[in-house]
């Protein structure tokens, strides 16, 4: 519960400073990993596993195809 609260506080704090949402989500993720006791070197492995799902890879290409049409 502590990690969740810390992530929410960090997210809204970083947003209130004026940092864009995408950067705020990245900073919040790093704070969550650090406060959760995880090693930061796990992040690239988690990202690689998340992009192995072909359905998620197809979504940006469908959007691109719709914009081209």
N, C-alpha and C. Protein backbone atom coordinates (compact mmCIF):
# COMPACT_ATOMS: atom_id res chain seq x y z
N UNK A 1 0.82 -1.19 0.00
CA UNK A 1 0.00 0.00 0.00
C UNK A 1 0.86 1.25 0.00
N UNK A 2 2.01 1.16 0.64
CA UNK A 2 2.91 2.31 0.70
C UNK A 2 3.40 2.70 -0.69
N UNK A 3 3.72 1.69 -1.50
CA UNK A 3 4.24 1.96 -2.84
C UNK A 3 3.17 2.63 -3.70
N UNK A 4 1.94 2.16 -3.60
CA UNK A 4 0.84 2.74 -4.36
C UNK A 4 0.62 4.20 -3.98
N UNK A 5 0.60 4.48 -2.69
CA UNK A 5 0.42 5.85 -2.23
C UNK A 5 1.58 6.73 -2.68
N UNK A 6 2.80 6.21 -2.60
CA UNK A 6 3.97 6.98 -3.02
C UNK A 6 3.90 7.29 -4.52
N UNK A 7 3.44 6.32 -5.31
CA UNK A 7 3.34 6.54 -6.75
C UNK A 7 2.27 7.58 -7.08
N UNK A 8 1.13 7.52 -6.40
CA UNK A 8 0.08 8.51 -6.65
C UNK A 8 0.53 9.91 -6.27
N UNK A 9 1.17 10.03 -5.11
CA UNK A 9 1.66 11.33 -4.67
C UNK A 9 2.70 11.86 -5.65
N UNK A 10 3.62 10.99 -6.07
CA UNK A 10 4.66 11.42 -7.01
C UNK A 10 4.05 11.84 -8.34
N UNK A 11 3.08 11.08 -8.83
CA UNK A 11 2.47 11.40 -10.12
C UNK A 11 1.80 12.77 -10.09
N UNK A 12 0.99 13.02 -9.09
CA UNK A 12 0.29 14.31 -9.04
C UNK A 12 1.24 15.46 -8.72
N UNK A 13 2.27 15.19 -7.95
CA UNK A 13 3.26 16.22 -7.66
C UNK A 13 4.02 16.61 -8.92
N UNK A 14 4.44 15.63 -9.68
CA UNK A 14 5.19 15.91 -10.91
C UNK A 14 4.28 16.58 -11.94
N UNK A 15 3.01 16.19 -12.00
CA UNK A 15 2.08 16.86 -12.91
C UNK A 15 1.85 18.31 -12.51
N UNK A 16 1.78 18.57 -11.21
CA UNK A 16 1.53 19.93 -10.75
C UNK A 16 2.71 20.84 -11.03
N UNK A 17 3.90 20.28 -11.16
CA UNK A 17 5.08 21.08 -11.51
C UNK A 17 5.01 21.54 -12.96
N UNK A 18 4.34 20.76 -13.80
CA UNK A 18 4.18 21.14 -15.20
C UNK A 18 4.91 20.23 -16.17
N UNK A 19 5.36 19.09 -15.70
CA UNK A 19 6.03 18.13 -16.57
C UNK A 19 4.97 17.37 -17.36
N UNK A 20 5.21 17.08 -18.65
CA UNK A 20 4.20 16.36 -19.45
C UNK A 20 3.84 14.99 -18.86
N UNK A 21 2.65 14.51 -19.25
CA UNK A 21 2.12 13.27 -18.67
C UNK A 21 3.03 12.08 -18.94
N UNK A 22 3.58 11.99 -20.14
CA UNK A 22 4.42 10.83 -20.46
C UNK A 22 5.67 10.79 -19.58
N UNK A 23 6.28 11.94 -19.36
CA UNK A 23 7.46 11.99 -18.49
C UNK A 23 7.05 11.73 -17.04
N UNK A 24 5.87 12.22 -16.65
CA UNK A 24 5.39 12.00 -15.28
C UNK A 24 5.17 10.52 -15.01
N UNK A 25 4.64 9.81 -16.00
CA UNK A 25 4.43 8.37 -15.84
C UNK A 25 5.76 7.64 -15.72
N UNK A 26 6.76 8.06 -16.48
CA UNK A 26 8.08 7.44 -16.40
C UNK A 26 8.74 7.67 -15.06
N UNK A 27 8.67 8.90 -14.58
CA UNK A 27 9.25 9.23 -13.28
C UNK A 27 8.54 8.46 -12.17
N UNK A 28 7.21 8.37 -12.28
CA UNK A 28 6.43 7.63 -11.29
C UNK A 28 6.80 6.15 -11.29
N UNK A 29 7.04 5.59 -12.48
CA UNK A 29 7.45 4.20 -12.57
C UNK A 29 8.79 3.97 -11.89
N UNK A 30 9.74 4.87 -12.11
CA UNK A 30 11.04 4.74 -11.45
C UNK A 30 10.91 4.84 -9.94
N UNK A 31 10.08 5.76 -9.48
CA UNK A 31 9.87 5.89 -8.03
C UNK A 31 9.22 4.63 -7.47
N UNK A 32 8.26 4.05 -8.20
CA UNK A 32 7.62 2.83 -7.75
C UNK A 32 8.58 1.65 -7.69
N UNK A 33 9.47 1.57 -8.68
CA UNK A 33 10.47 0.49 -8.66
C UNK A 33 11.44 0.65 -7.50
N UNK A 34 11.86 1.86 -7.26
CA UNK A 34 12.84 2.10 -6.19
C UNK A 34 12.21 1.87 -4.82
N UNK A 35 10.99 2.39 -4.60
CA UNK A 35 10.36 2.22 -3.29
C UNK A 35 9.88 0.79 -3.07
N UNK A 36 9.62 0.06 -4.16
CA UNK A 36 9.18 -1.32 -4.05
C UNK A 36 10.33 -2.29 -3.81
N UNK A 37 11.55 -1.80 -3.88
CA UNK A 37 12.71 -2.64 -3.62
C UNK A 37 13.18 -3.41 -4.84
N UNK A 38 12.70 -3.04 -6.03
CA UNK A 38 13.12 -3.72 -7.25
C UNK A 38 14.38 -3.06 -7.79
N UNK A 39 15.12 -3.81 -8.56
CA UNK A 39 16.31 -3.28 -9.20
C UNK A 39 15.89 -2.56 -10.48
N UNK A 40 16.51 -1.44 -10.77
CA UNK A 40 16.15 -0.66 -11.96
C UNK A 40 16.51 -1.41 -13.24
N UNK A 41 17.46 -2.32 -13.17
CA UNK A 41 17.85 -3.07 -14.36
C UNK A 41 16.76 -4.04 -14.81
N UNK A 42 15.71 -4.22 -14.03
CA UNK A 42 14.59 -5.08 -14.40
C UNK A 42 13.68 -4.38 -15.42
N UNK A 43 13.71 -3.06 -15.46
CA UNK A 43 12.81 -2.29 -16.32
C UNK A 43 12.94 -2.63 -17.80
N UNK A 44 14.14 -2.69 -18.39
CA UNK A 44 14.20 -3.06 -19.81
C UNK A 44 13.65 -4.46 -20.09
N UNK A 45 13.86 -5.38 -19.18
CA UNK A 45 13.33 -6.73 -19.36
C UNK A 45 11.80 -6.71 -19.33
N UNK A 46 11.22 -5.94 -18.43
CA UNK A 46 9.77 -5.83 -18.35
C UNK A 46 9.20 -5.18 -19.61
N UNK A 47 9.89 -4.17 -20.14
CA UNK A 47 9.43 -3.52 -21.37
C UNK A 47 9.48 -4.47 -22.55
N UNK A 48 10.52 -5.28 -22.63
CA UNK A 48 10.65 -6.23 -23.72
C UNK A 48 9.56 -7.29 -23.65
N UNK A 49 9.24 -7.75 -22.47
CA UNK A 49 8.19 -8.74 -22.32
C UNK A 49 6.83 -8.15 -22.66
N UNK A 50 6.62 -6.88 -22.36
CA UNK A 50 5.34 -6.24 -22.65
C UNK A 50 5.13 -6.05 -24.15
N UNK A 51 6.21 -5.80 -24.89
CA UNK A 51 6.07 -5.60 -26.32
C UNK A 51 6.05 -6.90 -27.10
N UNK A 52 6.20 -8.03 -26.43
CA UNK A 52 6.14 -9.33 -27.12
C UNK A 52 4.71 -9.69 -27.48
N UNK A 53 3.73 -8.97 -26.96
CA UNK A 53 2.33 -9.22 -27.27
C UNK A 53 2.00 -8.57 -28.62
N UNK A 54 1.68 -9.38 -29.63
CA UNK A 54 1.48 -8.87 -30.98
C UNK A 54 0.25 -7.98 -31.10
N UNK A 55 -0.74 -8.19 -30.26
CA UNK A 55 -1.93 -7.35 -30.30
C UNK A 55 -1.57 -5.91 -29.96
N UNK A 56 -0.74 -5.73 -28.97
CA UNK A 56 -0.35 -4.38 -28.58
C UNK A 56 0.54 -3.72 -29.63
N UNK A 57 1.30 -4.51 -30.36
CA UNK A 57 2.15 -3.95 -31.41
C UNK A 57 1.30 -3.50 -32.60
N UNK A 58 0.18 -4.18 -32.86
CA UNK A 58 -0.65 -3.86 -34.02
C UNK A 58 -1.42 -2.55 -33.88
N UNK A 59 -1.74 -2.15 -32.67
CA UNK A 59 -2.59 -0.98 -32.45
C UNK A 59 -2.00 0.29 -33.07
N UNK A 60 -0.71 0.63 -32.83
CA UNK A 60 -0.19 1.85 -33.47
C UNK A 60 -0.18 1.77 -35.00
N UNK A 61 0.01 0.59 -35.57
CA UNK A 61 0.00 0.46 -37.01
C UNK A 61 -1.40 0.63 -37.60
N UNK A 62 -2.42 0.18 -36.89
CA UNK A 62 -3.78 0.44 -37.34
C UNK A 62 -4.09 1.93 -37.30
N UNK A 63 -3.63 2.61 -36.27
CA UNK A 63 -3.85 4.06 -36.17
C UNK A 63 -3.11 4.77 -37.31
N UNK A 64 -1.88 4.34 -37.59
CA UNK A 64 -1.10 4.92 -38.68
C UNK A 64 -1.81 4.69 -40.02
N UNK A 65 -2.32 3.49 -40.24
CA UNK A 65 -3.02 3.20 -41.49
C UNK A 65 -4.28 4.06 -41.63
N UNK A 66 -4.98 4.27 -40.54
CA UNK A 66 -6.18 5.13 -40.58
C UNK A 66 -5.82 6.57 -40.90
N UNK A 67 -4.68 7.04 -40.37
CA UNK A 67 -4.27 8.41 -40.66
C UNK A 67 -3.82 8.57 -42.11
N UNK A 68 -3.21 7.54 -42.65
CA UNK A 68 -2.77 7.61 -44.05
C UNK A 68 -3.96 7.60 -45.00
N UNK A 69 -5.00 6.82 -44.65
CA UNK A 69 -6.16 6.77 -45.51
C UNK A 69 -6.91 8.09 -45.45
